[in-house]
Amino acid sequence: MNDLKITAKIFYYLTALSFCLWIGGYVGKLLTIFRLFEPETMALKSYFQVSELSQAMSLLLPLIIYNLITYAASLICFLVFLVTSKFNLKNEGWLFIITVIILITLPFEVYLSKLDYNFVIKVLSNNYNVNEIIEILRQRIIKLGSFPLIEVFAYFAALSLFLFKPFRKTL
């Protein structure tokens, strides 16, 4: 780490910070969305009224926008760090594992981000059908099942690898 240029060091810390912010917001978003539905049937919980749902959606909106922005920032910071650090992935096992985790989860997260983007566009239009919005959130849970939970654990592991840097090949 001492032999890195100042730009690589800056993007190292920005990457760690942005991934921490994204993971925290992601866990919050998952907990909020999952609380809207019954676990067994994926039906909307009975105590939600239609009038309350529009308020719940407007409260969920900033959390989803926050996650879209922090995920994009995390990816950009990581890519800039990868380029500016000029690490050899053969010698830096921790960086190789993180890169693999990001590349494997990227298509799935892009798909989920597309659903989130559709949610944001519909809620911001202020002329939306609550049932359409609920269906977007339901599809977000049903389509990929437990993948978001697996992704959270994978990114926790990647973050710990990023901070502690094990699996280094010393010459």
N, C-alpha and C. Protein backbone atom coordinates (compact mmCIF):
# COMPACT_ATOMS: atom_id res chain seq x y z
N MET A 1 0.83 -1.20 0.00
CA MET A 1 0.00 0.00 0.00
C MET A 1 0.87 1.25 0.00
N ASN A 2 2.04 1.16 0.55
CA ASN A 2 2.91 2.33 0.62
C ASN A 2 3.47 2.73 -0.73
N ASP A 3 3.54 1.78 -1.66
CA ASP A 3 4.11 2.10 -2.96
C ASP A 3 3.07 2.61 -3.96
N LEU A 4 1.83 2.83 -3.52
CA LEU A 4 0.79 3.34 -4.40
C LEU A 4 0.92 4.85 -4.59
N LYS A 5 0.51 5.30 -5.76
CA LYS A 5 0.45 6.74 -6.00
C LYS A 5 -0.68 7.32 -5.18
N ILE A 6 -0.67 8.63 -5.05
CA ILE A 6 -1.67 9.32 -4.23
C ILE A 6 -3.08 9.14 -4.81
N THR A 7 -3.22 9.12 -6.14
CA THR A 7 -4.55 8.93 -6.73
C THR A 7 -5.09 7.54 -6.43
N ALA A 8 -4.21 6.54 -6.47
CA ALA A 8 -4.65 5.18 -6.15
C ALA A 8 -5.06 5.08 -4.69
N LYS A 9 -4.33 5.75 -3.80
CA LYS A 9 -4.69 5.74 -2.38
C LYS A 9 -6.04 6.42 -2.15
N ILE A 10 -6.24 7.53 -2.83
CA ILE A 10 -7.51 8.25 -2.69
C ILE A 10 -8.67 7.37 -3.15
N PHE A 11 -8.50 6.72 -4.30
CA PHE A 11 -9.59 5.88 -4.80
C PHE A 11 -9.72 4.58 -4.01
N TYR A 12 -8.67 4.16 -3.35
CA TYR A 12 -8.78 3.02 -2.43
C TYR A 12 -9.74 3.36 -1.30
N TYR A 13 -9.54 4.51 -0.69
CA TYR A 13 -10.41 4.92 0.42
C TYR A 13 -11.81 5.28 -0.06
N LEU A 14 -11.93 5.90 -1.23
CA LEU A 14 -13.25 6.20 -1.77
C LEU A 14 -14.02 4.93 -2.10
N THR A 15 -13.31 3.92 -2.61
CA THR A 15 -13.96 2.64 -2.91
C THR A 15 -14.46 1.98 -1.64
N ALA A 16 -13.62 1.93 -0.61
CA ALA A 16 -14.04 1.33 0.66
C ALA A 16 -15.23 2.08 1.25
N LEU A 17 -15.18 3.40 1.22
CA LEU A 17 -16.28 4.21 1.75
C LEU A 17 -17.56 4.00 0.96
N SER A 18 -17.46 4.05 -0.36
CA SER A 18 -18.68 3.92 -1.18
C SER A 18 -19.29 2.53 -1.06
N PHE A 19 -18.46 1.49 -0.95
CA PHE A 19 -19.02 0.15 -0.76
C PHE A 19 -19.67 0.03 0.62
N CYS A 20 -19.09 0.63 1.64
CA CYS A 20 -19.73 0.62 2.97
C CYS A 20 -21.08 1.33 2.93
N LEU A 21 -21.12 2.48 2.30
CA LEU A 21 -22.37 3.23 2.20
C LEU A 21 -23.41 2.45 1.40
N TRP A 22 -22.98 1.82 0.31
CA TRP A 22 -23.92 1.06 -0.52
C TRP A 22 -24.45 -0.16 0.23
N ILE A 23 -23.58 -0.90 0.89
CA ILE A 23 -24.03 -2.10 1.60
C ILE A 23 -25.02 -1.72 2.71
N GLY A 24 -24.73 -0.65 3.44
CA GLY A 24 -25.65 -0.22 4.49
C GLY A 24 -27.01 0.17 3.94
N GLY A 25 -27.02 0.93 2.87
CA GLY A 25 -28.28 1.31 2.24
C GLY A 25 -29.00 0.13 1.62
N TYR A 26 -28.24 -0.82 1.09
CA TYR A 26 -28.82 -1.99 0.46
C TYR A 26 -29.53 -2.86 1.50
N VAL A 27 -28.90 -3.05 2.63
CA VAL A 27 -29.53 -3.82 3.71
C VAL A 27 -30.79 -3.11 4.19
N GLY A 28 -30.74 -1.79 4.33
CA GLY A 28 -31.91 -1.03 4.73
C GLY A 28 -33.04 -1.15 3.71
N LYS A 29 -32.68 -1.08 2.44
CA LYS A 29 -33.69 -1.21 1.38
C LYS A 29 -34.32 -2.59 1.39
N LEU A 30 -33.50 -3.63 1.53
CA LEU A 30 -34.03 -4.99 1.56
C LEU A 30 -34.98 -5.19 2.74
N LEU A 31 -34.57 -4.72 3.91
CA LEU A 31 -35.43 -4.87 5.08
C LEU A 31 -36.75 -4.12 4.90
N THR A 32 -36.69 -2.96 4.32
CA THR A 32 -37.91 -2.17 4.11
C THR A 32 -38.83 -2.83 3.10
N ILE A 33 -38.28 -3.31 2.00
CA ILE A 33 -39.12 -3.93 0.97
C ILE A 33 -39.70 -5.25 1.47
N PHE A 34 -38.89 -6.05 2.15
CA PHE A 34 -39.39 -7.34 2.62
C PHE A 34 -40.49 -7.18 3.67
N ARG A 35 -40.47 -6.09 4.40
CA ARG A 35 -41.49 -5.88 5.43
C ARG A 35 -42.86 -5.55 4.86
N LEU A 36 -42.92 -5.22 3.57
CA LEU A 36 -44.20 -4.91 2.94
C LEU A 36 -45.03 -6.16 2.64
N PHE A 37 -44.37 -7.33 2.53
CA PHE A 37 -45.03 -8.54 2.04
C PHE A 37 -45.04 -9.65 3.10
N GLU A 38 -46.03 -10.53 2.96
CA GLU A 38 -46.10 -11.74 3.78
C GLU A 38 -45.02 -12.70 3.29
N PRO A 39 -44.28 -13.34 4.17
CA PRO A 39 -43.17 -14.20 3.74
C PRO A 39 -43.61 -15.41 2.92
N GLU A 40 -44.72 -16.00 3.24
CA GLU A 40 -45.14 -17.24 2.59
C GLU A 40 -45.75 -16.99 1.21
N THR A 41 -46.68 -16.06 1.13
CA THR A 41 -47.47 -15.89 -0.08
C THR A 41 -47.03 -14.71 -0.95
N MET A 42 -46.16 -13.87 -0.45
CA MET A 42 -45.74 -12.66 -1.13
C MET A 42 -46.91 -11.71 -1.40
N ALA A 43 -47.96 -11.84 -0.62
CA ALA A 43 -49.09 -10.92 -0.70
C ALA A 43 -48.77 -9.72 0.19
N LEU A 44 -49.33 -8.60 -0.16
CA LEU A 44 -49.14 -7.39 0.63
C LEU A 44 -49.71 -7.61 2.03
N LYS A 45 -49.01 -7.16 3.04
CA LYS A 45 -49.49 -7.36 4.42
C LYS A 45 -50.84 -6.68 4.60
N SER A 46 -51.68 -7.30 5.40
CA SER A 46 -53.07 -6.88 5.51
C SER A 46 -53.26 -5.52 6.16
N TYR A 47 -52.32 -5.07 6.95
CA TYR A 47 -52.52 -3.81 7.66
C TYR A 47 -52.17 -2.58 6.82
N PHE A 48 -51.74 -2.76 5.57
CA PHE A 48 -51.49 -1.62 4.70
C PHE A 48 -52.76 -1.24 3.96
N GLN A 49 -53.10 0.02 4.04
CA GLN A 49 -54.22 0.56 3.29
C GLN A 49 -53.69 1.20 2.01
N VAL A 50 -54.53 1.32 1.01
CA VAL A 50 -54.09 1.90 -0.27
C VAL A 50 -53.62 3.33 -0.08
N SER A 51 -54.25 4.08 0.79
CA SER A 51 -53.85 5.47 1.01
C SER A 51 -52.48 5.54 1.68
N GLU A 52 -52.17 4.57 2.53
CA GLU A 52 -50.87 4.53 3.19
C GLU A 52 -49.76 4.08 2.25
N LEU A 53 -50.10 3.32 1.24
CA LEU A 53 -49.08 2.79 0.34
C LEU A 53 -48.41 3.88 -0.47
N SER A 54 -49.15 4.88 -0.88
CA SER A 54 -48.51 5.96 -1.63
C SER A 54 -47.52 6.71 -0.75
N GLN A 55 -47.83 6.85 0.53
CA GLN A 55 -46.88 7.47 1.45
C GLN A 55 -45.67 6.57 1.69
N ALA A 56 -45.90 5.27 1.78
CA ALA A 56 -44.80 4.33 1.96
C ALA A 56 -43.88 4.34 0.75
N MET A 57 -44.45 4.45 -0.44
CA MET A 57 -43.64 4.48 -1.66
C MET A 57 -42.81 5.75 -1.73
N SER A 58 -43.39 6.87 -1.29
CA SER A 58 -42.61 8.11 -1.31
C SER A 58 -41.51 8.09 -0.25
N LEU A 59 -41.68 7.30 0.81
CA LEU A 59 -40.62 7.14 1.80
C LEU A 59 -39.54 6.17 1.32
N LEU A 60 -39.94 5.19 0.52
CA LEU A 60 -39.00 4.22 -0.02
C LEU A 60 -38.18 4.80 -1.17
N LEU A 61 -38.72 5.80 -1.82
CA LEU A 61 -38.06 6.41 -2.98
C LEU A 61 -36.65 6.92 -2.70
N PRO A 62 -36.40 7.72 -1.65
CA PRO A 62 -35.03 8.19 -1.41
C PRO A 62 -34.04 7.06 -1.14
N LEU A 63 -34.50 6.02 -0.49
CA LEU A 63 -33.62 4.88 -0.20
C LEU A 63 -33.21 4.18 -1.48
N ILE A 64 -34.13 4.03 -2.40
CA ILE A 64 -33.80 3.37 -3.67
C ILE A 64 -32.91 4.25 -4.53
N ILE A 65 -33.18 5.55 -4.57
CA ILE A 65 -32.31 6.47 -5.32
C ILE A 65 -30.92 6.48 -4.72
N TYR A 66 -30.82 6.50 -3.40
CA TYR A 66 -29.53 6.45 -2.71
C TYR A 66 -28.75 5.20 -3.11
N ASN A 67 -29.43 4.05 -3.17
CA ASN A 67 -28.76 2.82 -3.55
C ASN A 67 -28.30 2.81 -4.99
N LEU A 68 -29.09 3.35 -5.88
CA LEU A 68 -28.68 3.43 -7.29
C LEU A 68 -27.42 4.28 -7.44
N ILE A 69 -27.38 5.39 -6.73
CA ILE A 69 -26.23 6.30 -6.84
C ILE A 69 -24.99 5.70 -6.19
N THR A 70 -25.14 5.14 -4.99
CA THR A 70 -23.96 4.60 -4.31
C THR A 70 -23.41 3.35 -4.99
N TYR A 71 -24.27 2.55 -5.63
CA TYR A 71 -23.75 1.38 -6.35
C TYR A 71 -22.93 1.84 -7.56
N ALA A 72 -23.46 2.81 -8.29
CA ALA A 72 -22.71 3.33 -9.44
C ALA A 72 -21.39 3.96 -8.99
N ALA A 73 -21.42 4.71 -7.89
CA ALA A 73 -20.20 5.33 -7.37
C ALA A 73 -19.21 4.26 -6.93
N SER A 74 -19.68 3.19 -6.32
CA SER A 74 -18.80 2.11 -5.89
C SER A 74 -18.10 1.46 -7.07
N LEU A 75 -18.87 1.18 -8.11
CA LEU A 75 -18.26 0.56 -9.29
C LEU A 75 -17.24 1.47 -9.95
N ILE A 76 -17.58 2.74 -10.08
CA ILE A 76 -16.66 3.69 -10.71
C ILE A 76 -15.39 3.83 -9.89
N CYS A 77 -15.53 3.98 -8.59
CA CYS A 77 -14.34 4.11 -7.72
C CYS A 77 -13.49 2.86 -7.77
N PHE A 78 -14.12 1.69 -7.78
CA PHE A 78 -13.36 0.44 -7.83
C PHE A 78 -12.60 0.33 -9.16
N LEU A 79 -13.25 0.66 -10.25
CA LEU A 79 -12.58 0.58 -11.56
C LEU A 79 -11.42 1.56 -11.65
N VAL A 80 -11.62 2.76 -11.15
CA VAL A 80 -10.54 3.75 -11.17
C VAL A 80 -9.40 3.28 -10.27
N PHE A 81 -9.72 2.71 -9.11
CA PHE A 81 -8.67 2.17 -8.25
C PHE A 81 -7.92 1.04 -8.94
N LEU A 82 -8.64 0.18 -9.61
CA LEU A 82 -8.02 -0.95 -10.31
C LEU A 82 -7.06 -0.47 -11.38
N VAL A 83 -7.43 0.58 -12.10
CA VAL A 83 -6.58 1.11 -13.16
C VAL A 83 -5.40 1.89 -12.58
N THR A 84 -5.65 2.72 -11.58
CA THR A 84 -4.58 3.57 -11.06
C THR A 84 -3.59 2.83 -10.18
N SER A 85 -4.03 1.73 -9.56
CA SER A 85 -3.12 1.00 -8.67
C SER A 85 -2.10 0.18 -9.45
N LYS A 86 -2.46 -0.24 -10.64
CA LYS A 86 -1.59 -1.05 -11.50
C LYS A 86 -1.11 -2.31 -10.79
N PHE A 87 -1.97 -2.87 -9.92
CA PHE A 87 -1.65 -4.12 -9.27
C PHE A 87 -1.74 -5.26 -10.28
N ASN A 88 -0.89 -6.24 -10.10
CA ASN A 88 -0.96 -7.45 -10.89
C ASN A 88 -1.90 -8.40 -10.16
N LEU A 89 -2.99 -8.80 -10.81
CA LEU A 89 -3.98 -9.63 -10.15
C LEU A 89 -3.42 -11.01 -9.78
N LYS A 90 -2.36 -11.45 -10.45
CA LYS A 90 -1.72 -12.72 -10.09
C LYS A 90 -1.08 -12.65 -8.71
N ASN A 91 -0.54 -11.51 -8.39
CA ASN A 91 0.17 -11.35 -7.11
C ASN A 91 -0.73 -10.85 -5.99
N GLU A 92 -1.85 -10.30 -6.33
CA GLU A 92 -2.78 -9.74 -5.33
C GLU A 92 -4.07 -10.55 -5.35
N GLY A 93 -4.09 -11.65 -4.60
CA GLY A 93 -5.24 -12.54 -4.57
C GLY A 93 -6.50 -11.87 -4.06
N TRP A 94 -6.35 -10.99 -3.08
CA TRP A 94 -7.50 -10.29 -2.52
C TRP A 94 -8.21 -9.45 -3.59
N LEU A 95 -7.43 -8.80 -4.45
CA LEU A 95 -8.01 -7.97 -5.49
C LEU A 95 -8.64 -8.82 -6.58
N PHE A 96 -8.04 -9.95 -6.86
CA PHE A 96 -8.60 -10.87 -7.85
C PHE A 96 -9.96 -11.39 -7.38
N ILE A 97 -10.05 -11.80 -6.12
CA ILE A 97 -11.31 -12.34 -5.58
C ILE A 97 -12.39 -11.26 -5.59
N ILE A 98 -12.04 -10.05 -5.22
CA ILE A 98 -13.01 -8.95 -5.23
C ILE A 98 -13.50 -8.68 -6.64
N THR A 99 -12.58 -8.68 -7.60
CA THR A 99 -12.95 -8.44 -8.99
C THR A 99 -13.89 -9.53 -9.49
N VAL A 100 -13.63 -10.76 -9.13
CA VAL A 100 -14.51 -11.87 -9.54
C VAL A 100 -15.89 -11.71 -8.91
N ILE A 101 -15.93 -11.37 -7.63
CA ILE A 101 -17.23 -11.17 -6.97
C ILE A 101 -18.02 -10.07 -7.66
N ILE A 102 -17.36 -8.97 -7.98
CA ILE A 102 -18.05 -7.86 -8.64
C ILE A 102 -18.52 -8.25 -10.03
N LEU A 103 -17.68 -8.95 -10.77
CA LEU A 103 -18.06 -9.35 -12.13
C LEU A 103 -19.19 -10.38 -12.14
N ILE A 104 -19.21 -11.27 -11.17
CA ILE A 104 -20.28 -12.27 -11.12
C ILE A 104 -21.61 -11.63 -10.72
N THR A 105 -21.59 -10.73 -9.77
CA THR A 105 -22.84 -10.13 -9.29
C THR A 105 -23.32 -8.95 -10.13
N LEU A 106 -22.46 -8.43 -10.99
CA LEU A 106 -22.82 -7.24 -11.77
C LEU A 106 -24.08 -7.42 -12.63
N PRO A 107 -24.22 -8.49 -13.43
CA PRO A 107 -25.44 -8.59 -14.25
C PRO A 107 -26.72 -8.68 -13.42
N PHE A 108 -26.65 -9.37 -12.31
CA PHE A 108 -27.84 -9.49 -11.46
C PHE A 108 -28.19 -8.16 -10.81
N GLU A 109 -27.18 -7.45 -10.36
CA GLU A 109 -27.43 -6.15 -9.74
C GLU A 109 -27.90 -5.13 -10.77
N VAL A 110 -27.43 -5.24 -12.00
CA VAL A 110 -27.92 -4.35 -13.07
C VAL A 110 -29.40 -4.62 -13.31
N TYR A 111 -29.79 -5.90 -13.31
CA TYR A 111 -31.19 -6.25 -13.49
C TYR A 111 -32.04 -5.68 -12.34
N LEU A 112 -31.58 -5.86 -11.11
CA LEU A 112 -32.32 -5.32 -9.97
C LEU A 112 -32.34 -3.79 -10.00
N SER A 113 -31.26 -3.19 -10.46
CA SER A 113 -31.22 -1.73 -10.57
C SER A 113 -32.19 -1.24 -11.64
N LYS A 114 -32.38 -2.04 -12.68
CA LYS A 114 -33.36 -1.68 -13.71
C LYS A 114 -34.77 -1.68 -13.12
N LEU A 115 -35.07 -2.67 -12.29
CA LEU A 115 -36.38 -2.68 -11.62
C LEU A 115 -36.51 -1.49 -10.67
N ASP A 116 -35.44 -1.18 -9.95
CA ASP A 116 -35.46 -0.02 -9.06
C ASP A 116 -35.65 1.27 -9.85
N TYR A 117 -35.01 1.36 -11.00
CA TYR A 117 -35.14 2.55 -11.84
C TYR A 117 -36.59 2.70 -12.32
N ASN A 118 -37.22 1.59 -12.70
CA ASN A 118 -38.62 1.64 -13.11
C ASN A 118 -39.50 2.11 -11.95
N PHE A 119 -39.19 1.64 -10.75
CA PHE A 119 -39.91 2.09 -9.56
C PHE A 119 -39.76 3.60 -9.39
N VAL A 120 -38.53 4.09 -9.50
CA VAL A 120 -38.26 5.52 -9.31
C VAL A 120 -39.02 6.35 -10.35
N ILE A 121 -38.97 5.93 -11.60
CA ILE A 121 -39.64 6.69 -12.67
C ILE A 121 -41.15 6.73 -12.42
N LYS A 122 -41.73 5.60 -12.04
CA LYS A 122 -43.17 5.57 -11.81
C LYS A 122 -43.58 6.41 -10.60
N VAL A 123 -42.80 6.35 -9.52
CA VAL A 123 -43.16 7.13 -8.32
C VAL A 123 -42.96 8.62 -8.57
N LEU A 124 -41.91 8.98 -9.28
CA LEU A 124 -41.66 10.40 -9.55
C LEU A 124 -42.69 11.00 -10.52
N SER A 125 -43.36 10.17 -11.28
CA SER A 125 -44.36 10.69 -12.21
C SER A 125 -45.59 11.23 -11.49
N ASN A 126 -45.77 10.86 -10.21
CA ASN A 126 -46.89 11.31 -9.37
C ASN A 126 -48.26 10.93 -9.92
N ASN A 127 -48.29 10.17 -10.97
CA ASN A 127 -49.55 9.70 -11.54
C ASN A 127 -49.40 8.20 -11.77
N TYR A 128 -49.29 7.47 -10.67
CA TYR A 128 -49.00 6.05 -10.80
C TYR A 128 -50.08 5.22 -10.11
N ASN A 129 -50.14 3.99 -10.53
CA ASN A 129 -51.04 3.03 -9.93
C ASN A 129 -50.26 2.29 -8.84
N VAL A 130 -50.76 2.29 -7.64
CA VAL A 130 -50.06 1.66 -6.52
C VAL A 130 -49.86 0.17 -6.78
N ASN A 131 -50.80 -0.47 -7.45
CA ASN A 131 -50.67 -1.90 -7.73
C ASN A 131 -49.50 -2.19 -8.66
N GLU A 132 -49.22 -1.30 -9.62
CA GLU A 132 -48.06 -1.47 -10.49
C GLU A 132 -46.77 -1.37 -9.69
N ILE A 133 -46.72 -0.43 -8.79
CA ILE A 133 -45.53 -0.24 -7.96
C ILE A 133 -45.31 -1.46 -7.06
N ILE A 134 -46.37 -1.95 -6.46
CA ILE A 134 -46.26 -3.13 -5.60
C ILE A 134 -45.80 -4.32 -6.43
N GLU A 135 -46.29 -4.43 -7.64
CA GLU A 135 -45.87 -5.54 -8.50
C GLU A 135 -44.39 -5.45 -8.86
N ILE A 136 -43.88 -4.25 -9.06
CA ILE A 136 -42.44 -4.09 -9.32
C ILE A 136 -41.64 -4.57 -8.12
N LEU A 137 -42.05 -4.18 -6.93
CA LEU A 137 -41.35 -4.60 -5.72
C LEU A 137 -41.48 -6.11 -5.50
N ARG A 138 -42.64 -6.66 -5.79
CA ARG A 138 -42.84 -8.10 -5.66
C ARG A 138 -41.95 -8.85 -6.65
N GLN A 139 -41.88 -8.37 -7.88
CA GLN A 139 -41.03 -9.02 -8.88
C GLN A 139 -39.56 -8.95 -8.49
N ARG A 140 -39.19 -7.88 -7.84
CA ARG A 140 -37.81 -7.73 -7.38
C ARG A 140 -37.45 -8.84 -6.39
N ILE A 141 -38.40 -9.23 -5.58
CA ILE A 141 -38.16 -10.29 -4.60
C ILE A 141 -38.29 -11.67 -5.25
N ILE A 142 -39.30 -11.87 -6.08
CA ILE A 142 -39.60 -13.19 -6.63
C ILE A 142 -38.57 -13.62 -7.68
N LYS A 143 -38.19 -12.72 -8.57
CA LYS A 143 -37.34 -13.10 -9.71
C LYS A 143 -36.02 -13.72 -9.30
N LEU A 144 -35.33 -13.11 -8.36
CA LEU A 144 -34.00 -13.60 -8.00
C LEU A 144 -33.95 -14.28 -6.63
N GLY A 145 -35.07 -14.42 -6.00
CA GLY A 145 -35.13 -15.17 -4.74
C GLY A 145 -34.20 -14.63 -3.68
N SER A 146 -33.30 -15.48 -3.22
CA SER A 146 -32.41 -15.10 -2.13
C SER A 146 -31.11 -14.48 -2.61
N PHE A 147 -31.01 -14.16 -3.89
CA PHE A 147 -29.77 -13.57 -4.40
C PHE A 147 -29.36 -12.29 -3.67
N PRO A 148 -30.26 -11.36 -3.37
CA PRO A 148 -29.82 -10.15 -2.65
C PRO A 148 -29.14 -10.46 -1.32
N LEU A 149 -29.61 -11.47 -0.61
CA LEU A 149 -28.98 -11.84 0.64
C LEU A 149 -27.58 -12.42 0.40
N ILE A 150 -27.46 -13.26 -0.60
CA ILE A 150 -26.15 -13.82 -0.97
C ILE A 150 -25.21 -12.70 -1.40
N GLU A 151 -25.75 -11.74 -2.13
CA GLU A 151 -24.94 -10.61 -2.58
C GLU A 151 -24.43 -9.78 -1.40
N VAL A 152 -25.27 -9.58 -0.41
CA VAL A 152 -24.84 -8.82 0.77
C VAL A 152 -23.68 -9.52 1.45
N PHE A 153 -23.79 -10.83 1.64
CA PHE A 153 -22.70 -11.57 2.28
C PHE A 153 -21.44 -11.57 1.42
N ALA A 154 -21.61 -11.67 0.10
CA ALA A 154 -20.45 -11.64 -0.78
C ALA A 154 -19.74 -10.28 -0.72
N TYR A 155 -20.50 -9.22 -0.66
CA TYR A 155 -19.89 -7.89 -0.59
C TYR A 155 -19.31 -7.60 0.79
N PHE A 156 -19.88 -8.18 1.84
CA PHE A 156 -19.23 -8.08 3.15
C PHE A 156 -17.87 -8.77 3.11
N ALA A 157 -17.82 -9.94 2.48
CA ALA A 157 -16.55 -10.65 2.34
C ALA A 157 -15.58 -9.85 1.48
N ALA A 158 -16.07 -9.29 0.38
CA ALA A 158 -15.21 -8.49 -0.49
C ALA A 158 -14.68 -7.26 0.24
N LEU A 159 -15.52 -6.64 1.04
CA LEU A 159 -15.08 -5.47 1.79
C LEU A 159 -14.01 -5.83 2.81
N SER A 160 -14.18 -6.97 3.48
CA SER A 160 -13.15 -7.38 4.43
C SER A 160 -11.85 -7.75 3.71
N LEU A 161 -11.95 -8.36 2.54
CA LEU A 161 -10.75 -8.62 1.74
C LEU A 161 -10.09 -7.31 1.32
N PHE A 162 -10.90 -6.35 0.97
CA PHE A 162 -10.39 -5.06 0.51
C PHE A 162 -9.66 -4.33 1.63
N LEU A 163 -10.15 -4.46 2.85
CA LEU A 163 -9.55 -3.75 3.97
C LEU A 163 -8.32 -4.46 4.53
N PHE A 164 -8.35 -5.79 4.59
CA PHE A 164 -7.27 -6.53 5.23
C PHE A 164 -6.24 -7.09 4.26
N LYS A 165 -6.56 -7.18 2.99
CA LYS A 165 -5.65 -7.59 1.91
C LYS A 165 -4.90 -8.91 2.19
N PRO A 166 -5.61 -10.01 2.44
CA PRO A 166 -4.91 -11.29 2.55
C PRO A 166 -4.60 -11.84 1.15
N PHE A 167 -4.00 -12.99 1.08
CA PHE A 167 -3.72 -13.68 -0.18
C PHE A 167 -2.81 -12.87 -1.09
N ARG A 168 -1.77 -12.30 -0.52
CA ARG A 168 -0.78 -11.56 -1.31
C ARG A 168 0.39 -12.48 -1.59
N LYS A 169 0.82 -12.47 -2.81
CA LYS A 169 2.00 -13.24 -3.18
C LYS A 169 3.22 -12.35 -3.00
N THR A 170 4.11 -12.77 -2.12
CA THR A 170 5.31 -12.00 -1.89
C THR A 170 6.46 -12.65 -2.66
N LEU A 171 7.27 -11.80 -3.23
CA LEU A 171 8.40 -12.31 -4.04
C LEU A 171 9.65 -12.40 -3.24
